């Protein structure tokens, strides 16, 4: 049987992307705004379908 690769990513890591400048920030909780340009950020570890 072939080995199964397991993705080490956990959604609890919290990866947030700025909707203004596109920079990314890791945080345990929602940072609110981008530290670079003060625009809103969204959690990109949540699928958006």
N, C-alpha and C. Protein backbone atom coordinates (compact mmCIF):
# COMPACT_ATOMS: atom_id res chain seq x y z
N UNK A 1 0.84 -1.18 0.00
CA UNK A 1 0.00 0.00 0.00
C UNK A 1 0.89 1.25 0.00
N UNK A 2 0.60 2.27 -0.85
CA UNK A 2 1.42 3.48 -0.90
C UNK A 2 1.23 4.34 0.36
N UNK A 3 2.28 5.07 0.69
CA UNK A 3 2.21 5.99 1.83
C UNK A 3 1.26 7.14 1.50
N UNK A 4 0.55 7.60 2.50
CA UNK A 4 -0.38 8.71 2.32
C UNK A 4 0.26 9.97 2.89
N UNK A 5 0.36 10.99 2.04
CA UNK A 5 0.89 12.27 2.51
C UNK A 5 -0.20 13.01 3.27
N UNK A 6 0.14 13.49 4.44
CA UNK A 6 -0.81 14.22 5.26
C UNK A 6 -0.40 15.69 5.29
N UNK A 7 -1.34 16.55 4.97
CA UNK A 7 -1.09 17.98 4.99
C UNK A 7 -0.95 18.43 6.45
N UNK A 8 0.19 19.03 6.83
CA UNK A 8 0.39 19.43 8.22
C UNK A 8 -0.39 20.67 8.63
N UNK A 9 -1.06 21.32 7.70
CA UNK A 9 -1.78 22.55 8.01
C UNK A 9 -2.98 22.28 8.90
N UNK A 10 -3.18 23.12 9.87
CA UNK A 10 -4.35 23.06 10.75
C UNK A 10 -5.06 24.41 10.67
N UNK A 11 -6.37 24.40 10.49
CA UNK A 11 -7.10 25.66 10.37
C UNK A 11 -7.04 26.49 11.65
N UNK A 12 -6.68 25.88 12.76
CA UNK A 12 -6.56 26.62 14.01
C UNK A 12 -5.35 27.55 14.00
N UNK A 13 -4.47 27.40 12.99
CA UNK A 13 -3.30 28.27 12.89
C UNK A 13 -3.70 29.72 12.62
N UNK A 14 -4.77 29.94 11.91
CA UNK A 14 -5.26 31.29 11.61
C UNK A 14 -4.37 32.05 10.65
N UNK A 15 -4.66 31.96 9.38
CA UNK A 15 -3.91 32.70 8.37
C UNK A 15 -4.85 33.75 7.80
N UNK A 16 -4.47 35.02 7.94
CA UNK A 16 -5.30 36.14 7.53
C UNK A 16 -4.64 36.89 6.40
N UNK A 17 -5.45 37.31 5.42
CA UNK A 17 -4.95 38.07 4.28
C UNK A 17 -5.64 39.42 4.21
N UNK A 18 -4.86 40.45 3.95
CA UNK A 18 -5.38 41.80 3.84
C UNK A 18 -6.12 41.95 2.51
N UNK A 19 -7.33 42.51 2.56
CA UNK A 19 -8.09 42.72 1.33
C UNK A 19 -7.59 43.93 0.56
N UNK A 20 -6.78 44.77 1.17
CA UNK A 20 -6.24 45.96 0.52
C UNK A 20 -4.91 45.71 -0.17
N UNK A 21 -3.91 45.27 0.60
CA UNK A 21 -2.56 45.14 0.03
C UNK A 21 -2.13 43.69 -0.22
N UNK A 22 -2.91 42.71 0.31
CA UNK A 22 -2.61 41.31 0.04
C UNK A 22 -1.60 40.68 0.97
N UNK A 23 -1.09 41.41 1.96
CA UNK A 23 -0.11 40.83 2.87
C UNK A 23 -0.81 39.81 3.76
N UNK A 24 -0.05 38.83 4.25
CA UNK A 24 -0.61 37.76 5.07
C UNK A 24 -0.01 37.79 6.47
N UNK A 25 -0.85 37.43 7.45
CA UNK A 25 -0.46 37.44 8.85
C UNK A 25 -0.99 36.18 9.51
N UNK A 26 -0.16 35.52 10.33
CA UNK A 26 -0.62 34.40 11.14
C UNK A 26 -0.96 34.92 12.52
N UNK A 27 -2.11 34.48 13.03
CA UNK A 27 -2.55 34.93 14.34
C UNK A 27 -3.53 33.91 14.93
N UNK A 28 -3.50 33.74 16.24
CA UNK A 28 -4.43 32.83 16.91
C UNK A 28 -5.84 33.41 16.94
N UNK A 29 -5.95 34.74 16.89
CA UNK A 29 -7.26 35.39 16.88
C UNK A 29 -7.29 36.42 15.74
N UNK A 30 -8.49 36.84 15.38
CA UNK A 30 -8.65 37.77 14.26
C UNK A 30 -7.97 39.10 14.59
N UNK A 31 -6.99 39.53 13.78
CA UNK A 31 -6.26 40.77 14.07
C UNK A 31 -7.06 42.05 13.81
N UNK A 32 -8.20 41.95 13.12
CA UNK A 32 -9.03 43.13 12.87
C UNK A 32 -8.63 43.89 11.62
N UNK A 33 -7.45 44.51 11.63
CA UNK A 33 -6.97 45.25 10.47
C UNK A 33 -5.53 44.87 10.15
N UNK A 34 -5.12 45.17 8.94
CA UNK A 34 -3.77 44.89 8.47
C UNK A 34 -2.76 45.78 9.20
N UNK A 35 -1.66 45.19 9.69
CA UNK A 35 -0.64 46.00 10.35
C UNK A 35 0.13 46.89 9.38
N UNK A 36 0.05 46.60 8.07
CA UNK A 36 0.79 47.38 7.07
C UNK A 36 0.01 48.58 6.53
N UNK A 37 -1.32 48.37 6.25
CA UNK A 37 -2.08 49.45 5.60
C UNK A 37 -3.40 49.78 6.30
N UNK A 38 -3.71 49.08 7.38
CA UNK A 38 -4.91 49.33 8.18
C UNK A 38 -6.22 48.97 7.48
N UNK A 39 -6.16 48.15 6.42
CA UNK A 39 -7.36 47.66 5.74
C UNK A 39 -7.87 46.42 6.47
N UNK A 40 -9.12 46.02 6.23
CA UNK A 40 -9.65 44.81 6.85
C UNK A 40 -8.90 43.56 6.36
N UNK A 41 -8.90 42.52 7.19
CA UNK A 41 -8.30 41.25 6.82
C UNK A 41 -9.37 40.17 6.86
N UNK A 42 -9.15 39.09 6.10
CA UNK A 42 -10.07 37.96 6.14
C UNK A 42 -9.29 36.68 6.40
N UNK A 43 -9.95 35.76 7.07
CA UNK A 43 -9.34 34.48 7.40
C UNK A 43 -9.35 33.61 6.15
N UNK A 44 -8.19 33.32 5.59
CA UNK A 44 -8.14 32.52 4.37
C UNK A 44 -7.99 31.03 4.66
N UNK A 45 -7.99 30.65 5.95
CA UNK A 45 -7.96 29.23 6.28
C UNK A 45 -9.37 28.65 6.24
N UNK A 46 -10.37 29.50 5.98
CA UNK A 46 -11.76 29.07 5.85
C UNK A 46 -12.11 29.07 4.37
N UNK A 47 -12.61 27.94 3.88
CA UNK A 47 -12.94 27.88 2.45
C UNK A 47 -14.10 28.81 2.14
N UNK A 48 -14.05 29.41 0.96
CA UNK A 48 -15.09 30.34 0.51
C UNK A 48 -15.61 29.85 -0.83
N UNK A 49 -16.65 29.03 -0.78
CA UNK A 49 -17.20 28.47 -2.01
C UNK A 49 -18.55 29.04 -2.33
